[in-house]
Protein backbone atom coordinates (compact mmCIF):
# COMPACT_ATOMS: atom_id res chain seq x y z
CA UNK A 1 39.22 28.40 18.34
CA UNK A 2 42.95 29.02 18.81
CA UNK A 3 46.21 28.91 16.89
CA UNK A 4 49.88 28.43 17.74
CA UNK A 5 53.11 27.94 15.81
CA UNK A 6 52.56 24.18 15.91
CA UNK A 7 48.86 23.88 15.15
CA UNK A 8 45.28 25.05 15.29
CA UNK A 9 42.15 24.03 17.19
CA UNK A 10 39.04 23.99 15.02
CA UNK A 11 35.34 23.36 15.57
CA UNK A 12 33.69 21.40 12.77
CA UNK A 13 30.42 19.64 11.98
CA UNK A 14 32.23 16.43 11.07
CA UNK A 15 35.06 14.33 12.56
CA UNK A 16 38.41 14.01 10.80
CA UNK A 17 40.31 10.76 11.21
CA UNK A 18 43.91 10.91 12.40
CA UNK A 19 45.21 9.14 9.29
CA UNK A 20 44.05 12.00 7.04
CA UNK A 21 46.06 14.99 5.91
CA UNK A 22 44.16 18.27 6.11
CA UNK A 23 44.72 21.20 3.72
CA UNK A 24 43.67 24.50 5.30
CA UNK A 25 43.62 28.03 3.97
CA UNK A 26 43.84 30.39 6.93
CA UNK A 27 43.32 34.13 6.75
CA UNK A 28 45.64 35.97 9.15
CA UNK A 29 45.08 39.69 8.83
CA UNK A 30 45.94 40.46 5.19
CA UNK A 31 47.67 37.12 4.52
CA UNK A 32 46.26 33.83 3.26
CA UNK A 33 48.26 30.79 4.33
CA UNK A 34 47.86 27.37 2.72
CA UNK A 35 48.82 24.91 5.44
CA UNK A 36 48.83 21.12 5.68
CA UNK A 37 48.35 19.28 8.93
CA UNK A 38 47.34 16.09 10.69
CA UNK A 39 44.50 15.69 13.21
CA UNK A 40 46.03 14.80 16.57
CA UNK A 41 42.99 15.30 18.80
CA UNK A 42 39.26 14.86 18.12
CA UNK A 43 36.59 15.55 20.73
CA UNK A 44 32.85 15.11 20.18
CA UNK A 45 30.79 18.10 21.34
CA UNK A 46 27.06 18.63 21.83
CA UNK A 47 24.96 19.39 18.77
CA UNK A 48 26.88 17.15 16.36
CA UNK A 49 30.02 19.29 16.45
CA UNK A 50 33.65 18.29 16.91
CA UNK A 51 36.69 20.00 18.37
CA UNK A 52 39.74 18.99 16.32
CA UNK A 53 43.39 19.75 17.04
CA UNK A 54 45.43 19.95 13.84
CA UNK A 55 49.23 19.77 14.02
CA UNK A 56 50.88 21.70 11.20
CA UNK A 57 53.22 19.79 8.89
CA UNK A 58 55.86 21.21 6.60
CA UNK A 59 55.37 24.95 7.14
CA UNK A 60 57.65 26.92 4.89
CA UNK A 61 59.73 29.82 6.20
CA UNK A 62 57.36 32.51 4.92
CA UNK A 63 54.30 30.88 6.49
CA UNK A 64 56.16 30.41 9.77
CA UNK A 65 57.14 34.10 9.91
CA UNK A 66 53.58 35.26 9.12
CA UNK A 67 52.20 32.93 11.79
CA UNK A 68 54.75 34.10 14.39
CA UNK A 69 53.98 37.75 13.62
CA UNK A 70 50.22 37.14 13.93
CA UNK A 71 50.63 35.33 17.27
CA UNK A 72 52.83 38.10 18.69
CA UNK A 73 50.25 40.70 17.65
CA UNK A 74 47.41 38.78 19.30
CA UNK A 75 49.40 38.21 22.50
CA UNK A 76 50.38 41.89 22.73
CA UNK A 77 46.68 42.88 22.61
CA UNK A 78 45.71 40.55 25.48
């Protein structure tokens, strides 16, 4: 749903408990990023869906630069 340097907001068909670590593979343009994170916000939606805020944990320098570049590109197009 949205992404920032600190995390991502996802819509899922299942809740994720805050004590879990999430491993995500995110496609940003031509790059695939493997990112770990922790759920910090879970909201139940209609239709059995959930909105989950994931805070990134331990991003390496390369992933951070790719993410920053992607965000700048998106913001410049708005």
